[in-house]
Each structure stands twice: as C-alpha cells, then as structure tokens.
C-alpha cells in the first residue's frame, strides 16, 4: 500500500509540474531554458526573465536551448494548429 501511495504522489508531482511549466531566459542571451537546465542555473538573478509558455518566450525573441530542448510551442497551441488544418 505504501508503494502505491508513493507512486501516486510521484505521478501527481510530475503531472502538476508538466502543466505548470515555466521557462527561464537571461537578459544577456537569446535562448530560453527549462529551469533545471545547467545553463539556466547559471543565470544571475538580476538577469533572469521567466516565461509561462514557450510562445511567450518566442514572441519576446528567444529561441529554445539546444541542451535542454524546451518546446517551441505548448501542447495546447499544437492542438489548436492541428485543428485549423
């Protein structure tokens, strides 16, 4: 029973994280990252910019990091585009 509860908690944690994604960028760069990326971790707090979606980062002129590979569009945005085809 404890194992099942632990699996449920882990699943809930990762599901929540996936739906509340955040992306980081530096004022001194043109790339955006997942917060866990080694390059995002090196951004000074005074230069940190946070985006709530990949579209927001792209609209601001940023491109996805080639190391952590964040998406260029969110799942909901991809579904909207597919629906318009």
N, C-alpha and C. Protein backbone atom coordinates (compact mmCIF):
# COMPACT_ATOMS: atom_id res chain seq x y z
N UNK A 1 0.82 -1.19 0.00
CA UNK A 1 0.00 0.00 0.00
C UNK A 1 0.87 1.27 0.00
N UNK A 2 1.96 1.24 0.77
CA UNK A 2 2.86 2.39 0.82
C UNK A 2 3.49 2.64 -0.55
N UNK A 3 3.81 1.56 -1.26
CA UNK A 3 4.42 1.69 -2.58
C UNK A 3 3.44 2.36 -3.56
N UNK A 4 2.20 1.97 -3.51
CA UNK A 4 1.16 2.54 -4.37
C UNK A 4 0.97 4.03 -4.06
N UNK A 5 0.96 4.36 -2.80
CA UNK A 5 0.82 5.76 -2.40
C UNK A 5 2.01 6.58 -2.88
N UNK A 6 3.21 6.04 -2.75
CA UNK A 6 4.41 6.74 -3.21
C UNK A 6 4.36 6.97 -4.72
N UNK A 7 3.92 5.97 -5.46
CA UNK A 7 3.81 6.11 -6.92
C UNK A 7 2.78 7.17 -7.28
N UNK A 8 1.66 7.19 -6.57
CA UNK A 8 0.62 8.18 -6.81
C UNK A 8 1.13 9.59 -6.54
N UNK A 9 1.87 9.77 -5.46
CA UNK A 9 2.42 11.09 -5.13
C UNK A 9 3.42 11.54 -6.19
N UNK A 10 4.28 10.65 -6.62
CA UNK A 10 5.26 10.99 -7.66
C UNK A 10 4.55 11.35 -8.96
N UNK A 11 3.55 10.56 -9.33
CA UNK A 11 2.80 10.84 -10.55
C UNK A 11 2.13 12.20 -10.47
N UNK A 12 1.50 12.49 -9.35
CA UNK A 12 0.82 13.78 -9.16
C UNK A 12 1.81 14.93 -9.25
N UNK A 13 2.98 14.77 -8.64
CA UNK A 13 4.01 15.81 -8.68
C UNK A 13 4.43 16.11 -10.11
N UNK A 14 4.75 15.08 -10.88
CA UNK A 14 5.21 15.29 -12.25
C UNK A 14 4.11 15.77 -13.17
N UNK A 15 2.88 15.33 -12.95
CA UNK A 15 1.76 15.81 -13.75
C UNK A 15 1.53 17.29 -13.50
N UNK A 16 1.57 17.69 -12.25
CA UNK A 16 1.41 19.10 -11.90
C UNK A 16 2.53 19.93 -12.51
N UNK A 17 3.76 19.44 -12.43
CA UNK A 17 4.91 20.16 -12.99
C UNK A 17 4.75 20.32 -14.49
N UNK A 18 4.27 19.30 -15.18
CA UNK A 18 4.13 19.35 -16.64
C UNK A 18 3.11 20.39 -17.07
N UNK A 19 2.05 20.58 -16.28
CA UNK A 19 1.02 21.53 -16.66
C UNK A 19 1.32 22.95 -16.19
N UNK A 20 2.29 23.10 -15.32
CA UNK A 20 2.64 24.44 -14.84
C UNK A 20 4.08 24.77 -15.23
N UNK A 21 4.40 24.47 -16.47
CA UNK A 21 5.77 24.66 -16.95
C UNK A 21 6.15 26.14 -16.91
N UNK A 22 7.41 26.35 -16.65
CA UNK A 22 7.97 27.69 -16.63
C UNK A 22 9.27 27.62 -17.41
N UNK A 23 9.62 28.69 -18.08
CA UNK A 23 10.84 28.73 -18.87
C UNK A 23 11.64 29.96 -18.47
N UNK A 24 12.96 29.79 -18.42
CA UNK A 24 13.84 30.86 -17.99
C UNK A 24 14.72 31.33 -19.13
N UNK A 25 15.05 32.61 -19.10
CA UNK A 25 15.98 33.19 -20.07
C UNK A 25 16.78 34.27 -19.36
N UNK A 26 17.85 34.66 -20.00
CA UNK A 26 18.69 35.74 -19.48
C UNK A 26 18.50 36.98 -20.35
N UNK A 27 18.58 38.13 -19.73
CA UNK A 27 18.54 39.38 -20.49
C UNK A 27 19.72 39.47 -21.45
N UNK A 28 20.78 38.71 -21.17
CA UNK A 28 22.01 38.78 -21.97
C UNK A 28 22.15 37.65 -22.98
N UNK A 29 21.07 36.95 -23.26
CA UNK A 29 21.13 35.80 -24.17
C UNK A 29 19.93 35.83 -25.10
N UNK A 30 19.92 34.91 -26.06
CA UNK A 30 18.77 34.80 -26.96
C UNK A 30 18.08 33.44 -26.82
N UNK A 31 18.41 32.68 -25.77
CA UNK A 31 17.87 31.34 -25.58
C UNK A 31 17.02 31.25 -24.32
N UNK A 32 16.01 30.37 -24.36
CA UNK A 32 15.23 30.08 -23.15
C UNK A 32 15.40 28.61 -22.80
N UNK A 33 15.22 28.31 -21.51
CA UNK A 33 15.56 27.01 -20.95
C UNK A 33 14.48 26.52 -20.00
N UNK A 34 14.53 25.19 -19.72
CA UNK A 34 13.82 24.66 -18.57
C UNK A 34 14.60 25.16 -17.35
N UNK A 35 13.92 25.44 -16.23
CA UNK A 35 14.64 25.90 -15.03
C UNK A 35 15.72 24.93 -14.55
N UNK A 36 15.58 23.66 -14.84
CA UNK A 36 16.55 22.66 -14.40
C UNK A 36 17.79 22.57 -15.29
N UNK A 37 17.80 23.26 -16.41
CA UNK A 37 18.94 23.22 -17.34
C UNK A 37 20.20 23.77 -16.67
N UNK A 38 21.34 23.16 -16.97
CA UNK A 38 22.60 23.64 -16.37
C UNK A 38 22.88 25.09 -16.74
N UNK A 39 22.45 25.52 -17.93
CA UNK A 39 22.69 26.90 -18.35
C UNK A 39 21.72 27.86 -17.67
N UNK A 40 20.49 27.43 -17.41
CA UNK A 40 19.53 28.26 -16.69
C UNK A 40 20.01 28.50 -15.26
N UNK A 41 20.63 27.50 -14.67
CA UNK A 41 21.12 27.61 -13.30
C UNK A 41 22.23 28.64 -13.16
N UNK A 42 22.88 29.00 -14.27
CA UNK A 42 23.98 29.97 -14.24
C UNK A 42 23.52 31.41 -14.44
N UNK A 43 22.23 31.61 -14.70
CA UNK A 43 21.72 32.96 -14.93
C UNK A 43 21.68 33.72 -13.60
N UNK A 44 22.26 34.89 -13.59
CA UNK A 44 22.24 35.73 -12.38
C UNK A 44 20.80 36.20 -12.14
N UNK A 45 20.39 36.24 -10.88
CA UNK A 45 19.02 36.66 -10.56
C UNK A 45 18.65 38.02 -11.17
N UNK A 46 19.61 38.92 -11.25
CA UNK A 46 19.33 40.24 -11.81
C UNK A 46 19.08 40.20 -13.33
N UNK A 47 19.48 39.12 -13.99
CA UNK A 47 19.28 38.98 -15.44
C UNK A 47 18.17 38.00 -15.79
N UNK A 48 17.56 37.37 -14.79
CA UNK A 48 16.58 36.32 -15.03
C UNK A 48 15.24 36.87 -15.53
N UNK A 49 14.75 36.24 -16.60
CA UNK A 49 13.42 36.53 -17.14
C UNK A 49 12.67 35.20 -17.11
N UNK A 50 11.43 35.21 -16.65
CA UNK A 50 10.63 33.98 -16.59
C UNK A 50 9.45 34.10 -17.56
N UNK A 51 9.19 33.01 -18.26
CA UNK A 51 8.07 32.94 -19.19
C UNK A 51 7.17 31.79 -18.77
N UNK A 52 5.88 31.95 -18.95
CA UNK A 52 4.93 30.90 -18.58
C UNK A 52 4.62 29.96 -19.74
N UNK A 53 5.07 30.29 -20.95
CA UNK A 53 4.84 29.41 -22.09
C UNK A 53 5.97 29.59 -23.10
N UNK A 54 6.19 28.59 -23.94
CA UNK A 54 7.21 28.74 -24.97
C UNK A 54 6.84 29.83 -25.97
N UNK A 55 5.55 29.98 -26.25
CA UNK A 55 5.11 31.02 -27.19
C UNK A 55 5.48 32.41 -26.69
N UNK A 56 5.36 32.60 -25.38
CA UNK A 56 5.71 33.88 -24.76
C UNK A 56 7.20 34.17 -24.95
N UNK A 57 8.03 33.15 -24.77
CA UNK A 57 9.48 33.31 -24.94
C UNK A 57 9.84 33.60 -26.40
N UNK A 58 9.22 32.87 -27.31
CA UNK A 58 9.48 33.07 -28.75
C UNK A 58 9.03 34.46 -29.18
N UNK A 59 7.87 34.89 -28.69
CA UNK A 59 7.35 36.21 -29.02
C UNK A 59 8.31 37.32 -28.55
N UNK A 60 9.02 37.05 -27.45
CA UNK A 60 9.98 38.02 -26.91
C UNK A 60 11.33 37.95 -27.63
N UNK A 61 11.45 37.04 -28.60
CA UNK A 61 12.68 36.97 -29.39
C UNK A 61 13.66 35.89 -28.98
N UNK A 62 13.26 34.98 -28.10
CA UNK A 62 14.15 33.92 -27.63
C UNK A 62 13.94 32.64 -28.43
N UNK A 63 14.99 31.82 -28.49
CA UNK A 63 14.93 30.52 -29.17
C UNK A 63 15.19 29.42 -28.14
N UNK A 64 14.72 28.18 -28.42
CA UNK A 64 14.93 27.09 -27.45
C UNK A 64 16.41 26.72 -27.31
N UNK A 65 16.80 26.40 -26.10
CA UNK A 65 18.16 25.93 -25.79
C UNK A 65 18.39 24.58 -26.49
N UNK A 66 19.56 24.39 -27.03
CA UNK A 66 19.89 23.13 -27.69
C UNK A 66 20.33 22.04 -26.71
N UNK A 67 20.54 22.42 -25.45
CA UNK A 67 20.95 21.44 -24.43
C UNK A 67 19.72 20.81 -23.78
N UNK A 68 18.83 21.63 -23.21
CA UNK A 68 17.66 21.08 -22.50
C UNK A 68 16.46 20.88 -23.42
N UNK A 69 16.49 21.47 -24.60
CA UNK A 69 15.47 21.30 -25.64
C UNK A 69 14.03 21.55 -25.17
N UNK A 70 13.74 22.76 -24.69
CA UNK A 70 12.35 23.05 -24.34
C UNK A 70 11.52 23.14 -25.63
N UNK A 71 10.21 22.98 -25.53
CA UNK A 71 9.39 23.02 -26.75
C UNK A 71 9.34 24.41 -27.35
N UNK A 72 9.07 24.48 -28.64
CA UNK A 72 8.90 25.77 -29.31
C UNK A 72 7.45 26.23 -29.20
N UNK A 73 6.54 25.27 -28.99
CA UNK A 73 5.13 25.58 -28.76
C UNK A 73 4.62 24.64 -27.68
N UNK A 74 3.57 25.07 -27.01
CA UNK A 74 2.97 24.23 -25.98
C UNK A 74 2.03 23.22 -26.62
N UNK A 75 1.67 22.19 -25.88
CA UNK A 75 0.75 21.15 -26.38
C UNK A 75 -0.58 21.77 -26.78
N UNK A 76 -1.10 22.70 -25.99
CA UNK A 76 -2.39 23.30 -26.31
C UNK A 76 -2.30 24.10 -27.60
N UNK A 77 -1.19 24.77 -27.82
CA UNK A 77 -1.00 25.54 -29.05
C UNK A 77 -0.89 24.59 -30.25
N UNK A 78 -0.21 23.47 -30.10
CA UNK A 78 -0.07 22.49 -31.17
C UNK A 78 -1.44 21.92 -31.53
N UNK A 79 -2.28 21.66 -30.53
CA UNK A 79 -3.62 21.14 -30.78
C UNK A 79 -4.48 22.14 -31.53
N UNK A 80 -4.36 23.43 -31.21
CA UNK A 80 -5.11 24.46 -31.91
C UNK A 80 -4.71 24.52 -33.37
N UNK A 81 -3.40 24.43 -33.65
CA UNK A 81 -2.90 24.48 -35.03
C UNK A 81 -3.40 23.28 -35.80
N UNK A 82 -3.36 22.09 -35.21
CA UNK A 82 -3.82 20.87 -35.88
C UNK A 82 -5.31 20.95 -36.18
N UNK A 83 -6.06 21.57 -35.31
CA UNK A 83 -7.50 21.71 -35.51
C UNK A 83 -7.85 22.64 -36.64
N UNK A 84 -6.95 23.55 -36.99
CA UNK A 84 -7.20 24.52 -38.07
C UNK A 84 -6.76 24.02 -39.43
N UNK A 85 -6.17 22.84 -39.50
CA UNK A 85 -5.69 22.32 -40.77
C UNK A 85 -6.83 21.84 -41.64
